[in-house]
Amino acid sequence: MNAPQPPVAAPRASFLRTVKTVAWSFIGIRKNSEYKQDLAQANPFHIIAVGIAGAVLFVVGLIVLVNWVVK
């Protein structure tokens, strides 16, 4: 008899794939099939960390842009 095989874990997303996922989320454009694939592979803690870093970079970029335009 064949012993039951343990479920195969989905491959984890790379750091670059996580950054790409967060960037597409900021823009708001995403294919449903790619969204489902990212949802299956992504680590929630990596998504949160990259999202916070992206938001901080966005705010700092806006501050720098406003200071450059005002001067």
N, C-alpha and C. Protein backbone atom coordinates (compact mmCIF):
# COMPACT_ATOMS: atom_id res chain seq x y z
N MET A 1 0.84 -1.18 0.00
CA MET A 1 0.00 0.00 0.00
C MET A 1 0.89 1.24 0.00
N ASN A 2 0.37 2.26 -0.59
CA ASN A 2 1.09 3.53 -0.64
C ASN A 2 0.76 4.36 0.59
N ALA A 3 1.80 4.86 1.22
CA ALA A 3 1.60 5.74 2.36
C ALA A 3 1.19 7.12 1.86
N PRO A 4 0.32 7.82 2.58
CA PRO A 4 -0.08 9.15 2.14
C PRO A 4 1.12 10.11 2.15
N GLN A 5 1.21 10.89 1.10
CA GLN A 5 2.31 11.85 0.97
C GLN A 5 1.94 13.15 1.67
N PRO A 6 2.91 13.75 2.37
CA PRO A 6 2.62 15.04 3.00
C PRO A 6 2.41 16.09 1.92
N PRO A 7 1.60 17.11 2.19
CA PRO A 7 1.36 18.15 1.20
C PRO A 7 2.66 18.91 0.87
N VAL A 8 2.81 19.22 -0.38
CA VAL A 8 3.98 19.95 -0.82
C VAL A 8 3.74 21.43 -0.58
N ALA A 9 4.67 22.08 0.10
CA ALA A 9 4.53 23.50 0.38
C ALA A 9 4.76 24.30 -0.89
N ALA A 10 4.00 25.37 -1.03
CA ALA A 10 4.16 26.25 -2.20
C ALA A 10 5.53 26.95 -2.09
N PRO A 11 6.19 27.15 -3.22
CA PRO A 11 7.47 27.85 -3.17
C PRO A 11 7.28 29.27 -2.65
N ARG A 12 8.20 29.70 -1.83
CA ARG A 12 8.10 31.03 -1.24
C ARG A 12 8.55 32.08 -2.24
N ALA A 13 7.95 33.24 -2.15
CA ALA A 13 8.28 34.34 -3.06
C ALA A 13 9.64 34.92 -2.69
N SER A 14 10.37 35.36 -3.71
CA SER A 14 11.65 36.00 -3.46
C SER A 14 11.42 37.43 -2.99
N PHE A 15 12.49 38.06 -2.53
CA PHE A 15 12.39 39.43 -2.05
C PHE A 15 11.97 40.36 -3.19
N LEU A 16 12.55 40.16 -4.37
CA LEU A 16 12.21 41.00 -5.52
C LEU A 16 10.74 40.82 -5.89
N ARG A 17 10.24 39.60 -5.82
CA ARG A 17 8.82 39.35 -6.11
C ARG A 17 7.93 40.04 -5.09
N THR A 18 8.35 40.06 -3.82
CA THR A 18 7.59 40.74 -2.78
C THR A 18 7.55 42.24 -3.03
N VAL A 19 8.69 42.82 -3.42
CA VAL A 19 8.74 44.25 -3.72
C VAL A 19 7.83 44.55 -4.91
N LYS A 20 7.86 43.70 -5.92
CA LYS A 20 7.02 43.88 -7.10
C LYS A 20 5.54 43.79 -6.73
N THR A 21 5.20 42.87 -5.87
CA THR A 21 3.81 42.72 -5.42
C THR A 21 3.32 43.97 -4.71
N VAL A 22 4.15 44.51 -3.82
CA VAL A 22 3.76 45.71 -3.07
C VAL A 22 3.68 46.92 -4.01
N ALA A 23 4.60 47.01 -4.95
CA ALA A 23 4.58 48.13 -5.90
C ALA A 23 3.30 48.09 -6.74
N TRP A 24 2.92 46.92 -7.22
CA TRP A 24 1.67 46.81 -7.97
C TRP A 24 0.47 47.15 -7.09
N SER A 25 0.54 46.83 -5.82
CA SER A 25 -0.55 47.15 -4.91
C SER A 25 -0.66 48.66 -4.70
N PHE A 26 0.46 49.35 -4.65
CA PHE A 26 0.43 50.80 -4.51
C PHE A 26 -0.23 51.43 -5.73
N ILE A 27 0.06 50.90 -6.91
CA ILE A 27 -0.50 51.43 -8.15
C ILE A 27 -1.97 51.02 -8.28
N GLY A 28 -2.29 49.82 -7.86
CA GLY A 28 -3.66 49.34 -7.89
C GLY A 28 -4.02 48.57 -9.13
N ILE A 29 -3.02 48.15 -9.90
CA ILE A 29 -3.27 47.39 -11.12
C ILE A 29 -2.68 45.99 -10.92
N ARG A 30 -3.52 44.98 -11.11
CA ARG A 30 -3.02 43.61 -10.91
C ARG A 30 -3.95 42.63 -11.60
N LYS A 31 -3.39 41.64 -12.29
CA LYS A 31 -4.19 40.57 -12.85
C LYS A 31 -4.66 39.67 -11.73
N ASN A 32 -5.86 39.16 -11.85
CA ASN A 32 -6.41 38.30 -10.80
C ASN A 32 -5.58 37.03 -10.65
N SER A 33 -5.11 36.47 -11.75
CA SER A 33 -4.32 35.23 -11.67
C SER A 33 -2.99 35.47 -10.95
N GLU A 34 -2.34 36.60 -11.23
CA GLU A 34 -1.08 36.92 -10.55
C GLU A 34 -1.33 37.24 -9.08
N TYR A 35 -2.46 37.88 -8.79
CA TYR A 35 -2.81 38.17 -7.40
C TYR A 35 -2.95 36.88 -6.60
N LYS A 36 -3.64 35.91 -7.18
CA LYS A 36 -3.83 34.63 -6.49
C LYS A 36 -2.50 33.90 -6.30
N GLN A 37 -1.62 33.99 -7.29
CA GLN A 37 -0.31 33.35 -7.18
C GLN A 37 0.51 34.02 -6.08
N ASP A 38 0.49 35.35 -6.04
CA ASP A 38 1.22 36.07 -4.99
C ASP A 38 0.65 35.77 -3.61
N LEU A 39 -0.66 35.67 -3.54
CA LEU A 39 -1.31 35.38 -2.27
C LEU A 39 -0.90 34.02 -1.73
N ALA A 40 -0.69 33.06 -2.63
CA ALA A 40 -0.29 31.71 -2.21
C ALA A 40 1.18 31.65 -1.81
N GLN A 41 2.03 32.50 -2.38
CA GLN A 41 3.46 32.40 -2.14
C GLN A 41 4.00 33.41 -1.14
N ALA A 42 3.36 34.52 -0.98
CA ALA A 42 3.93 35.63 -0.21
C ALA A 42 3.89 35.37 1.29
N ASN A 43 4.91 35.88 1.97
CA ASN A 43 4.97 35.84 3.42
C ASN A 43 4.36 37.14 3.94
N PRO A 44 3.34 37.09 4.78
CA PRO A 44 2.67 38.32 5.22
C PRO A 44 3.62 39.29 5.94
N PHE A 45 4.58 38.78 6.66
CA PHE A 45 5.50 39.66 7.37
C PHE A 45 6.39 40.42 6.39
N HIS A 46 6.79 39.77 5.31
CA HIS A 46 7.58 40.45 4.29
C HIS A 46 6.76 41.51 3.58
N ILE A 47 5.50 41.20 3.30
CA ILE A 47 4.61 42.16 2.65
C ILE A 47 4.44 43.40 3.53
N ILE A 48 4.24 43.19 4.82
CA ILE A 48 4.06 44.32 5.74
C ILE A 48 5.33 45.15 5.81
N ALA A 49 6.48 44.50 5.92
CA ALA A 49 7.75 45.24 6.03
C ALA A 49 8.03 46.04 4.76
N VAL A 50 7.85 45.42 3.60
CA VAL A 50 8.09 46.12 2.34
C VAL A 50 7.06 47.23 2.14
N GLY A 51 5.83 47.01 2.56
CA GLY A 51 4.78 48.03 2.46
C GLY A 51 5.09 49.24 3.31
N ILE A 52 5.53 49.02 4.53
CA ILE A 52 5.89 50.14 5.41
C ILE A 52 7.09 50.89 4.85
N ALA A 53 8.10 50.15 4.38
CA ALA A 53 9.28 50.80 3.79
C ALA A 53 8.89 51.59 2.55
N GLY A 54 8.01 51.05 1.72
CA GLY A 54 7.55 51.77 0.53
C GLY A 54 6.79 53.03 0.88
N ALA A 55 5.95 52.96 1.89
CA ALA A 55 5.19 54.14 2.31
C ALA A 55 6.12 55.22 2.85
N VAL A 56 7.12 54.81 3.63
CA VAL A 56 8.08 55.78 4.18
C VAL A 56 8.87 56.43 3.04
N LEU A 57 9.33 55.63 2.07
CA LEU A 57 10.05 56.19 0.92
C LEU A 57 9.17 57.14 0.12
N PHE A 58 7.90 56.81 -0.03
CA PHE A 58 6.97 57.67 -0.75
C PHE A 58 6.81 59.01 -0.05
N VAL A 59 6.61 59.00 1.27
CA VAL A 59 6.43 60.24 2.03
C VAL A 59 7.71 61.07 2.00
N VAL A 60 8.86 60.44 2.20
CA VAL A 60 10.13 61.16 2.16
C VAL A 60 10.35 61.76 0.77
N GLY A 61 10.01 61.02 -0.27
CA GLY A 61 10.12 61.54 -1.63
C GLY A 61 9.24 62.75 -1.86
N LEU A 62 8.03 62.72 -1.33
CA LEU A 62 7.14 63.88 -1.45
C LEU A 62 7.69 65.08 -0.70
N ILE A 63 8.24 64.86 0.48
CA ILE A 63 8.81 65.96 1.25
C ILE A 63 9.98 66.58 0.50
N VAL A 64 10.85 65.75 -0.04
CA VAL A 64 12.00 66.24 -0.82
C VAL A 64 11.53 67.01 -2.05
N LEU A 65 10.52 66.50 -2.74
CA LEU A 65 9.99 67.17 -3.93
C LEU A 65 9.40 68.53 -3.58
N VAL A 66 8.64 68.60 -2.52
CA VAL A 66 8.02 69.88 -2.11
C VAL A 66 9.10 70.87 -1.71
N ASN A 67 10.10 70.44 -0.95
CA ASN A 67 11.19 71.35 -0.57
C ASN A 67 11.96 71.84 -1.77
N TRP A 68 12.15 70.98 -2.78
CA TRP A 68 12.86 71.36 -4.00
C TRP A 68 12.07 72.38 -4.80
N VAL A 69 10.74 72.18 -4.89
CA VAL A 69 9.89 73.09 -5.65
C VAL A 69 9.76 74.44 -4.94
N VAL A 70 9.66 74.44 -3.64
CA VAL A 70 9.47 75.68 -2.88
C VAL A 70 10.72 76.54 -2.90
N LYS A 71 11.88 75.96 -2.92
CA LYS A 71 13.13 76.75 -2.87
C LYS A 71 13.42 77.40 -4.17
